[in-house]
Structures are given as C-alpha cells and as structure tokens.
PDB file of N, CA and C in Angstrom:
ATOM      1  N   UNK A   1     -22.252 -12.061   0.986  1.00  0.00           N
ATOM      2  CA  UNK A   1     -21.950 -10.685   1.295  1.00  0.00           C
ATOM      3  C   UNK A   1     -20.516 -10.532   1.815  1.00  0.00           C
ATOM      4  N   UNK A   2     -20.019 -11.536   2.521  1.00  0.00           N
ATOM      5  CA  UNK A   2     -18.646 -11.464   3.041  1.00  0.00           C
ATOM      6  C   UNK A   2     -17.617 -11.444   1.920  1.00  0.00           C
ATOM      7  N   UNK A   3     -17.911 -12.180   0.849  1.00  0.00           N
ATOM      8  CA  UNK A   3     -16.991 -12.211  -0.293  1.00  0.00           C
ATOM      9  C   UNK A   3     -16.876 -10.811  -0.897  1.00  0.00           C
ATOM     10  N   UNK A   4     -18.004 -10.181  -1.134  1.00  0.00           N
ATOM     11  CA  UNK A   4     -18.010  -8.841  -1.708  1.00  0.00           C
ATOM     12  C   UNK A   4     -17.290  -7.851  -0.791  1.00  0.00           C
ATOM     13  N   UNK A   5     -17.534  -7.935   0.495  1.00  0.00           N
ATOM     14  CA  UNK A   5     -16.867  -7.053   1.457  1.00  0.00           C
ATOM     15  C   UNK A   5     -15.360  -7.237   1.412  1.00  0.00           C
ATOM     16  N   UNK A   6     -14.902  -8.466   1.296  1.00  0.00           N
ATOM     17  CA  UNK A   6     -13.471  -8.744   1.236  1.00  0.00           C
ATOM     18  C   UNK A   6     -12.846  -8.221  -0.064  1.00  0.00           C
ATOM     19  N   UNK A   7     -13.556  -8.382  -1.170  1.00  0.00           N
ATOM     20  CA  UNK A   7     -13.067  -7.871  -2.462  1.00  0.00           C
ATOM     21  C   UNK A   7     -12.969  -6.349  -2.420  1.00  0.00           C
ATOM     22  N   UNK A   8     -13.993  -5.700  -1.896  1.00  0.00           N
ATOM     23  CA  UNK A   8     -13.986  -4.235  -1.808  1.00  0.00           C
ATOM     24  C   UNK A   8     -12.853  -3.758  -0.903  1.00  0.00           C
ATOM     25  N   UNK A   9     -12.625  -4.443   0.207  1.00  0.00           N
ATOM     26  CA  UNK A   9     -11.522  -4.065   1.103  1.00  0.00           C
ATOM     27  C   UNK A   9     -10.177  -4.186   0.394  1.00  0.00           C
ATOM     28  N   UNK A  10     -10.011  -5.225  -0.419  1.00  0.00           N
ATOM     29  CA  UNK A  10      -8.767  -5.394  -1.180  1.00  0.00           C
ATOM     30  C   UNK A  10      -8.576  -4.260  -2.175  1.00  0.00           C
ATOM     31  N   UNK A  11      -9.647  -3.861  -2.837  1.00  0.00           N
ATOM     32  CA  UNK A  11      -9.574  -2.763  -3.799  1.00  0.00           C
ATOM     33  C   UNK A  11      -9.270  -1.446  -3.078  1.00  0.00           C
ATOM     34  N   UNK A  12      -9.855  -1.245  -1.920  1.00  0.00           N
ATOM     35  CA  UNK A  12      -9.575  -0.024  -1.155  1.00  0.00           C
ATOM     36  C   UNK A  12      -8.107   0.037  -0.733  1.00  0.00           C
ATOM     37  N   UNK A  13      -7.522  -1.108  -0.351  1.00  0.00           N
ATOM     38  CA  UNK A  13      -6.091  -1.142  -0.026  1.00  0.00           C
ATOM     39  C   UNK A  13      -5.249  -0.839  -1.275  1.00  0.00           C
ATOM     40  N   UNK A  14      -5.684  -1.351  -2.414  1.00  0.00           N
ATOM     41  CA  UNK A  14      -4.967  -1.070  -3.660  1.00  0.00           C
ATOM     42  C   UNK A  14      -5.030   0.419  -3.990  1.00  0.00           C
ATOM     43  N   UNK A  15      -6.110   1.085  -3.637  1.00  0.00           N
ATOM     44  CA  UNK A  15      -6.204   2.531  -3.861  1.00  0.00           C
ATOM     45  C   UNK A  15      -5.159   3.273  -3.033  1.00  0.00           C
ATOM     46  N   UNK A  16      -4.880   2.778  -1.840  1.00  0.00           N
ATOM     47  CA  UNK A  16      -3.883   3.415  -0.978  1.00  0.00           C
ATOM     48  C   UNK A  16      -2.461   3.119  -1.444  1.00  0.00           C
ATOM     49  N   UNK A  17      -2.239   1.892  -1.931  1.00  0.00           N
ATOM     50  CA  UNK A  17      -0.906   1.447  -2.358  1.00  0.00           C
ATOM     51  C   UNK A  17      -0.996   0.812  -3.748  1.00  0.00           C
ATOM     52  N   UNK A  18      -1.270   1.599  -4.776  1.00  0.00           N
ATOM     53  CA  UNK A  18      -1.533   1.031  -6.109  1.00  0.00           C
ATOM     54  C   UNK A  18      -0.349   0.319  -6.738  1.00  0.00           C
ATOM     55  N   UNK A  19       0.866   0.652  -6.351  1.00  0.00           N
ATOM     56  CA  UNK A  19       2.049   0.032  -6.939  1.00  0.00           C
ATOM     57  C   UNK A  19       2.466  -1.248  -6.219  1.00  0.00           C
ATOM     58  N   UNK A  20       1.733  -1.637  -5.181  1.00  0.00           N
ATOM     59  CA  UNK A  20       2.142  -2.793  -4.380  1.00  0.00           C
ATOM     60  C   UNK A  20       1.895  -4.137  -5.068  1.00  0.00           C
ATOM     61  N   UNK A  21       0.923  -4.215  -5.944  1.00  0.00           N
ATOM     62  CA  UNK A  21       0.640  -5.472  -6.649  1.00  0.00           C
ATOM     63  C   UNK A  21       1.590  -5.612  -7.837  1.00  0.00           C
ATOM     64  N   UNK A  22       1.986  -6.842  -8.152  1.00  0.00           N
ATOM     65  CA  UNK A  22       2.903  -7.032  -9.289  1.00  0.00           C
ATOM     66  C   UNK A  22       2.228  -6.735 -10.627  1.00  0.00           C
ATOM     67  N   UNK A  23       3.023  -6.299 -11.572  1.00  0.00           N
ATOM     68  CA  UNK A  23       2.526  -6.042 -12.916  1.00  0.00           C
ATOM     69  C   UNK A  23       2.267  -7.335 -13.662  1.00  0.00           C
ATOM     70  N   UNK A  24       1.404  -7.259 -14.650  1.00  0.00           N
ATOM     71  CA  UNK A  24       1.063  -8.405 -15.482  1.00  0.00           C
ATOM     72  C   UNK A  24       1.828  -8.267 -16.790  1.00  0.00           C
ATOM     73  N   UNK A  25       2.601  -9.285 -17.145  1.00  0.00           N
ATOM     74  CA  UNK A  25       3.397  -9.193 -18.377  1.00  0.00           C
ATOM     75  C   UNK A  25       3.117 -10.347 -19.329  1.00  0.00           C
ATOM     76  N   UNK A  26       1.874 -10.790 -19.363  1.00  0.00           N
ATOM     77  CA  UNK A  26       1.500 -11.861 -20.282  1.00  0.00           C
ATOM     78  C   UNK A  26       1.050 -11.260 -21.612  1.00  0.00           C
ATOM     79  N   UNK A  27       1.172 -12.013 -22.701  1.00  0.00           N
ATOM     80  CA  UNK A  27       0.732 -11.504 -24.003  1.00  0.00           C
ATOM     81  C   UNK A  27      -0.749 -11.128 -23.973  1.00  0.00           C
ATOM     82  N   UNK A  28      -1.067  -9.992 -24.518  1.00  0.00           N
ATOM     83  CA  UNK A  28      -2.449  -9.530 -24.564  1.00  0.00           C
ATOM     84  C   UNK A  28      -2.890  -8.757 -23.332  1.00  0.00           C
ATOM     85  N   UNK A  29      -2.019  -8.629 -22.347  1.00  0.00           N
ATOM     86  CA  UNK A  29      -2.387  -7.903 -21.134  1.00  0.00           C
ATOM     87  C   UNK A  29      -2.421  -6.401 -21.405  1.00  0.00           C
ATOM     88  N   UNK A  30      -3.296  -5.734 -20.699  1.00  0.00           N
ATOM     89  CA  UNK A  30      -3.377  -4.278 -20.799  1.00  0.00           C
ATOM     90  C   UNK A  30      -2.077  -3.687 -20.272  1.00  0.00           C
ATOM     91  N   UNK A  31      -1.543  -2.701 -20.988  1.00  0.00           N
ATOM     92  CA  UNK A  31      -0.305  -2.048 -20.573  1.00  0.00           C
ATOM     93  C   UNK A  31      -0.454  -1.507 -19.160  1.00  0.00           C
ATOM     94  N   UNK A  32       0.491  -1.794 -18.323  1.00  0.00           N
ATOM     95  CA  UNK A  32       0.568  -1.367 -16.923  1.00  0.00           C
ATOM     96  C   UNK A  32      -0.511  -1.978 -16.030  1.00  0.00           C
ATOM     97  N   UNK A  33      -1.102  -3.086 -16.453  1.00  0.00           N
ATOM     98  CA  UNK A  33      -2.079  -3.765 -15.602  1.00  0.00           C
ATOM     99  C   UNK A  33      -1.358  -4.442 -14.440  1.00  0.00           C
ATOM    100  N   UNK A  34      -2.056  -4.535 -13.319  1.00  0.00           N
ATOM    101  CA  UNK A  34      -1.516  -5.184 -12.130  1.00  0.00           C
ATOM    102  C   UNK A  34      -2.496  -6.245 -11.655  1.00  0.00           C
ATOM    103  N   UNK A  35      -1.967  -7.253 -10.970  1.00  0.00           N
ATOM    104  CA  UNK A  35      -2.785  -8.363 -10.487  1.00  0.00           C
ATOM    105  C   UNK A  35      -2.712  -8.411  -8.969  1.00  0.00           C
ATOM    106  N   UNK A  36      -3.866  -8.234  -8.343  1.00  0.00           N
ATOM    107  CA  UNK A  36      -3.997  -8.282  -6.894  1.00  0.00           C
ATOM    108  C   UNK A  36      -4.736  -9.564  -6.533  1.00  0.00           C
ATOM    109  N   UNK A  37      -4.247 -10.284  -5.541  1.00  0.00           N
ATOM    110  CA  UNK A  37      -4.925 -11.499  -5.099  1.00  0.00           C
ATOM    111  C   UNK A  37      -5.613 -11.207  -3.773  1.00  0.00           C
ATOM    112  N   UNK A  38      -6.930 -11.316  -3.775  1.00  0.00           N
ATOM    113  CA  UNK A  38      -7.706 -11.150  -2.550  1.00  0.00           C
ATOM    114  C   UNK A  38      -7.442 -12.385  -1.694  1.00  0.00           C
ATOM    115  N   UNK A  39      -7.004 -12.203  -0.475  1.00  0.00           N
ATOM    116  CA  UNK A  39      -6.447 -13.278   0.331  1.00  0.00           C
ATOM    117  C   UNK A  39      -7.410 -14.303   0.902  1.00  0.00           C
ATOM    118  N   UNK A  40      -8.590 -13.928   1.285  1.00  0.00           N
ATOM    119  CA  UNK A  40      -9.497 -14.835   1.968  1.00  0.00           C
ATOM    120  C   UNK A  40     -10.178 -15.814   1.014  1.00  0.00           C
ATOM    121  N   UNK A  41     -10.703 -15.315  -0.076  1.00  0.00           N
ATOM    122  CA  UNK A  41     -11.488 -16.128  -1.007  1.00  0.00           C
ATOM    123  C   UNK A  41     -10.774 -16.405  -2.323  1.00  0.00           C
ATOM    124  N   UNK A  42      -9.552 -15.919  -2.454  1.00  0.00           N
ATOM    125  CA  UNK A  42      -8.698 -16.171  -3.622  1.00  0.00           C
ATOM    126  C   UNK A  42      -9.273 -15.658  -4.939  1.00  0.00           C
ATOM    127  N   UNK A  43      -9.769 -14.439  -4.916  1.00  0.00           N
ATOM    128  CA  UNK A  43     -10.185 -13.782  -6.151  1.00  0.00           C
ATOM    129  C   UNK A  43      -9.006 -13.004  -6.715  1.00  0.00           C
ATOM    130  N   UNK A  44      -8.879 -12.995  -8.040  1.00  0.00           N
ATOM    131  CA  UNK A  44      -7.868 -12.202  -8.717  1.00  0.00           C
ATOM    132  C   UNK A  44      -8.524 -10.902  -9.168  1.00  0.00           C
ATOM    133  N   UNK A  45      -7.877  -9.809  -8.869  1.00  0.00           N
ATOM    134  CA  UNK A  45      -8.387  -8.494  -9.238  1.00  0.00           C
ATOM    135  C   UNK A  45      -7.332  -7.841 -10.127  1.00  0.00           C
ATOM    136  N   UNK A  46      -7.677  -7.636 -11.378  1.00  0.00           N
ATOM    137  CA  UNK A  46      -6.777  -6.980 -12.319  1.00  0.00           C
ATOM    138  C   UNK A  46      -7.182  -5.515 -12.415  1.00  0.00           C
ATOM    139  N   UNK A  47      -6.192  -4.640 -12.317  1.00  0.00           N
ATOM    140  CA  UNK A  47      -6.485  -3.217 -12.378  1.00  0.00           C
ATOM    141  C   UNK A  47      -5.330  -2.466 -13.015  1.00  0.00           C
ATOM    142  N   UNK A  48      -5.604  -1.231 -13.363  1.00  0.00           N
ATOM    143  CA  UNK A  48      -4.589  -0.317 -13.853  1.00  0.00           C
ATOM    144  C   UNK A  48      -4.826   1.036 -13.207  1.00  0.00           C
ATOM    145  N   UNK A  49      -3.815   1.861 -13.204  1.00  0.00           N
ATOM    146  CA  UNK A  49      -3.926   3.192 -12.618  1.00  0.00           C
ATOM    147  C   UNK A  49      -3.793   4.219 -13.734  1.00  0.00           C
ATOM    148  N   UNK A  50      -4.744   5.107 -13.808  1.00  0.00           N
ATOM    149  CA  UNK A  50      -4.755   6.200 -14.792  1.00  0.00           C
ATOM    150  C   UNK A  50      -4.820   7.501 -14.013  1.00  0.00           C
ATOM    151  N   UNK A  51      -3.693   8.170 -13.915  1.00  0.00           N
ATOM    152  CA  UNK A  51      -3.652   9.404 -13.129  1.00  0.00           C
ATOM    153  C   UNK A  51      -3.893   9.094 -11.668  1.00  0.00           C
ATOM    154  N   UNK A  52      -4.962   9.627 -11.128  1.00  0.00           N
ATOM    155  CA  UNK A  52      -5.324   9.366  -9.728  1.00  0.00           C
ATOM    156  C   UNK A  52      -6.478   8.380  -9.612  1.00  0.00           C
ATOM    157  N   UNK A  53      -6.774   7.674 -10.695  1.00  0.00           N
ATOM    158  CA  UNK A  53      -7.910   6.754 -10.722  1.00  0.00           C
ATOM    159  C   UNK A  53      -7.429   5.320 -10.828  1.00  0.00           C
ATOM    160  N   UNK A  54      -7.942   4.453  -9.967  1.00  0.00           N
ATOM    161  CA  UNK A  54      -7.681   3.019 -10.049  1.00  0.00           C
ATOM    162  C   UNK A  54      -8.854   2.408 -10.809  1.00  0.00           C
ATOM    163  N   UNK A  55      -8.561   1.801 -11.951  1.00  0.00           N
ATOM    164  CA  UNK A  55      -9.590   1.239 -12.819  1.00  0.00           C
ATOM    165  C   UNK A  55      -9.533  -0.282 -12.732  1.00  0.00           C
ATOM    166  N   UNK A  56     -10.581  -0.888 -12.198  1.00  0.00           N
ATOM    167  CA  UNK A  56     -10.648  -2.346 -12.096  1.00  0.00           C
ATOM    168  C   UNK A  56     -11.032  -2.889 -13.469  1.00  0.00           C
ATOM    169  N   UNK A  57     -10.195  -3.776 -13.990  1.00  0.00           N
ATOM    170  CA  UNK A  57     -10.406  -4.331 -15.325  1.00  0.00           C
ATOM    171  C   UNK A  57     -11.194  -5.629 -15.296  1.00  0.00           C
ATOM    172  N   UNK A  58     -10.904  -6.472 -14.291  1.00  0.00           N
ATOM    173  CA  UNK A  58     -11.528  -7.795 -14.250  1.00  0.00           C
ATOM    174  C   UNK A  58     -11.355  -8.378 -12.861  1.00  0.00           C
ATOM    175  N   UNK A  59     -12.362  -9.107 -12.423  1.00  0.00           N
ATOM    176  CA  UNK A  59     -12.312  -9.846 -11.160  1.00  0.00           C
ATOM    177  C   UNK A  59     -12.812 -11.252 -11.441  1.00  0.00           C
ATOM    178  N   UNK A  60     -12.034 -12.254 -11.058  1.00  0.00           N
ATOM    179  CA  UNK A  60     -12.545 -13.621 -11.155  1.00  0.00           C
ATOM    180  C   UNK A  60     -11.870 -14.512 -10.126  1.00  0.00           C
ATOM    181  N   UNK A  61     -12.486 -15.629  -9.870  1.00  0.00           N
ATOM    182  CA  UNK A  61     -11.976 -16.551  -8.850  1.00  0.00           C
ATOM    183  C   UNK A  61     -10.732 -17.277  -9.362  1.00  0.00           C
ATOM    184  N   UNK A  62      -9.811 -17.524  -8.471  1.00  0.00           N
ATOM    185  CA  UNK A  62      -8.545 -18.147  -8.832  1.00  0.00           C
ATOM    186  C   UNK A  62      -8.653 -19.543  -9.417  1.00  0.00           C
ATOM    187  N   UNK A  63      -9.750 -20.235  -9.188  1.00  0.00           N
ATOM    188  CA  UNK A  63      -9.884 -21.584  -9.748  1.00  0.00           C
ATOM    189  C   UNK A  63     -10.404 -21.583 -11.179  1.00  0.00           C
ATOM    190  N   UNK A  64     -10.857 -20.438 -11.670  1.00  0.00           N
ATOM    191  CA  UNK A  64     -11.321 -20.371 -13.047  1.00  0.00           C
ATOM    192  C   UNK A  64     -10.133 -20.466 -13.993  1.00  0.00           C
ATOM    193  N   UNK A  65     -10.301 -21.139 -15.078  1.00  0.00           N
ATOM    194  CA  UNK A  65      -9.245 -21.298 -16.091  1.00  0.00           C
ATOM    195  C   UNK A  65      -9.273 -20.089 -17.012  1.00  0.00           C
ATOM    196  N   UNK A  66      -8.428 -19.099 -16.741  1.00  0.00           N
ATOM    197  CA  UNK A  66      -8.358 -17.886 -17.560  1.00  0.00           C
ATOM    198  C   UNK A  66      -6.943 -17.531 -17.807  1.00  0.00           C
TER     199      UNK A  66
END
C-alpha cells in the first residue's frame, strides 16, 4: 500500500507542476511525453499533458528492462 501511495503522491505533484519532469526523446516515444521518477521506490511514470489533463501512459519499476 505504501508503494501505491507514493506513486499517487508523485502523480499529484506532477499535476501541480506538469512541466517539471524532463521530456522523453527516444524513438517511438509519444509526442510530448515526460518521464517522472518516483523517488522512494524508483518507479518510472510516463505521462503527457493534454489541455488541463495529465494522462498517465505507463508506470513500471526502474529495474525492468524497457
């Protein structure tokens, strides 16, 4: 439950400051996607902003080979 709480808190911070995470510029990446690293458990959260909506594209652990 702590992991989920930490991920949600990271996403809520991204909602307040959506431009704070660096953009993703790898081949095949969604245009204007950003990569947020959740600090405690090292989850990567990929998201994009559409108007006033933050859309989470993918969440996975940093040790996964992706």
